[in-house]
Amino acid sequence: MTPREVLEHWLELFNSGNAEQISALYSENATNHQVANEPVVGREAIYQMFKREFAGADMVCIPENIFTDGEWAILEWKDPKEMRGCGFFHIQNGKIVFQRGYWDKLSFHRLYDIPLEV
C-alpha cells in the first residue's frame, strides 16, 4: 500500500475503535509519539495504548487534509467536538515505522470529561 492508502486505512480502523487491527499497521519496532505523552515503542505497546484509549473515550478522527511526500503521509484532523490536531506518519513497506501527533491534551481531557493524571 502507498503511504496515503495506509493512512486512509488507519483512519477507518481508528474510527472503528479496533485496537488490534490498527496496531497491525505498525512495524514491530515502530514508535508512536503523541507529543503530549511519552513515546510508545513497539507494536505490542502501541496495541495496549490504543486499547486503553479506545476504552477511555469515544474518539473520531475526521480528516481535513491529507498530504504525502515520499514515505510520509501527513494528516490534519478534527473531531466532532471541533478538537483539532495533526499527525505525521513515516511509512515503509506498507507499515508505519514512526508516528508523531500534535494536539492539545488539556482541551481533549476537558471536552471528553477525562481526569488528568497528576
Protein backbone atom coordinates (compact mmCIF):
# COMPACT_ATOMS: atom_id res chain seq x y z
CA MET A 1 0.00 0.00 0.00
CA THR A 2 1.09 3.58 -0.60
CA PRO A 3 1.55 5.88 2.39
CA ARG A 4 -1.79 7.54 1.58
CA GLU A 5 -3.57 4.16 1.43
CA VAL A 6 -2.03 3.13 4.77
CA LEU A 7 -3.17 6.39 6.34
CA GLU A 8 -6.69 6.07 4.90
CA HIS A 9 -6.89 2.51 6.27
CA TRP A 10 -5.54 3.76 9.63
CA LEU A 11 -8.38 6.32 9.71
CA GLU A 12 -11.01 3.61 9.08
CA LEU A 13 -9.61 1.44 11.87
CA PHE A 14 -9.18 4.37 14.28
CA ASN A 15 -12.80 5.41 13.75
CA SER A 16 -13.99 1.84 14.32
CA GLY A 17 -12.02 1.66 17.59
CA ASN A 18 -10.24 -1.53 16.57
CA ALA A 19 -7.01 -1.62 18.59
CA GLU A 20 -5.90 -5.00 17.28
CA GLN A 21 -6.24 -4.18 13.59
CA ILE A 22 -4.87 -0.64 13.83
CA SER A 23 -1.78 -1.82 15.70
CA ALA A 24 -1.14 -4.35 12.91
CA LEU A 25 -0.45 -1.37 10.61
CA TYR A 26 2.71 -0.61 12.62
CA SER A 27 6.10 -2.25 12.16
CA GLU A 28 7.30 -4.46 15.01
CA ASN A 29 9.58 -1.74 16.43
CA ALA A 30 7.51 1.32 15.48
CA THR A 31 7.33 4.45 17.60
CA ASN A 32 4.10 6.37 18.19
CA HIS A 33 4.87 9.72 19.79
CA GLN A 34 1.91 11.89 20.64
CA VAL A 35 3.85 14.92 21.83
CA ALA A 36 1.52 15.44 24.78
CA ASN A 37 2.61 11.99 26.04
CA GLU A 38 5.75 9.89 26.27
CA PRO A 39 6.70 7.96 23.10
CA VAL A 40 5.24 4.45 22.81
CA VAL A 41 7.66 1.96 21.25
CA GLY A 42 6.83 -1.43 19.74
CA ARG A 43 3.70 -2.86 18.15
CA GLU A 44 2.52 -4.55 21.36
CA ALA A 45 2.87 -1.34 23.38
CA ILE A 46 1.06 0.58 20.63
CA TYR A 47 -1.72 -2.01 20.73
CA GLN A 48 -2.03 -1.59 24.52
CA MET A 49 -2.11 2.21 24.11
CA PHE A 50 -4.93 2.08 21.55
CA LYS A 51 -6.84 -0.50 23.61
CA ARG A 52 -6.67 1.76 26.66
CA GLU A 53 -7.50 4.95 24.75
CA PHE A 54 -10.42 3.44 22.81
CA ALA A 55 -11.87 2.18 26.11
CA GLY A 56 -11.50 5.62 27.72
CA ALA A 57 -13.10 7.87 25.10
CA ASP A 58 -15.27 7.64 22.00
CA MET A 59 -12.73 9.13 19.61
CA VAL A 60 -13.45 10.04 16.00
CA CYS A 61 -10.90 11.43 13.58
CA ILE A 62 -12.33 13.48 10.70
CA PRO A 63 -9.67 14.14 8.06
CA GLU A 64 -9.47 17.73 6.85
CA ASN A 65 -6.32 17.40 4.75
CA ILE A 66 -4.02 14.55 3.76
CA PHE A 67 -0.66 15.27 2.19
CA THR A 68 2.03 12.85 1.08
CA ASP A 69 5.71 13.26 0.37
CA GLY A 70 7.68 10.13 -0.44
CA GLU A 71 7.47 7.79 2.58
CA TRP A 72 5.48 10.34 4.62
CA ALA A 73 1.74 10.88 4.99
CA ILE A 74 0.53 13.93 6.87
CA LEU A 75 -2.94 14.26 8.35
CA GLU A 76 -4.71 17.38 9.53
CA TRP A 77 -7.79 16.35 11.51
CA LYS A 78 -10.67 17.45 13.68
CA ASP A 79 -13.18 15.58 15.79
CA PRO A 80 -16.94 16.06 16.24
CA LYS A 81 -16.32 18.47 19.15
CA GLU A 82 -14.05 20.64 16.96
CA MET A 83 -10.82 19.48 18.60
CA ARG A 84 -8.04 19.79 16.02
CA GLY A 85 -4.62 18.27 15.51
CA CYS A 86 -2.20 16.84 13.00
CA GLY A 87 -0.24 13.65 12.57
CA PHE A 88 2.90 12.71 10.67
CA PHE A 89 3.28 9.08 9.59
CA HIS A 90 6.57 7.64 8.27
CA ILE A 91 5.61 4.56 6.28
CA GLN A 92 7.99 1.98 4.83
CA ASN A 93 6.97 -1.20 3.01
CA GLY A 94 3.31 -0.62 3.88
CA LYS A 95 3.92 -0.31 7.65
CA ILE A 96 4.02 2.71 9.94
CA VAL A 97 7.53 2.92 11.40
CA PHE A 98 7.09 6.28 13.12
CA GLN A 99 4.13 8.48 14.00
CA ARG A 100 4.12 11.87 15.65
CA GLY A 101 0.91 13.65 16.63
CA TYR A 102 0.22 17.16 17.81
CA TRP A 103 -2.96 18.04 19.74
CA ASP A 104 -3.95 19.86 22.92
CA LYS A 105 -4.16 17.30 25.72
CA LEU A 106 -5.80 19.65 28.24
CA SER A 107 -8.57 20.58 25.77
CA PHE A 108 -9.09 16.90 24.91
CA HIS A 109 -9.50 15.92 28.55
CA ARG A 110 -11.89 18.80 29.19
CA LEU A 111 -14.02 18.07 26.09
CA TYR A 112 -14.32 14.37 26.95
CA ASP A 113 -14.50 14.79 30.74
CA ILE A 114 -11.39 12.69 31.35
CA PRO A 115 -9.42 13.40 34.52
CA LEU A 116 -5.80 14.44 34.02
CA GLU A 117 -3.11 12.26 35.56
CA VAL A 118 -1.20 14.04 38.29
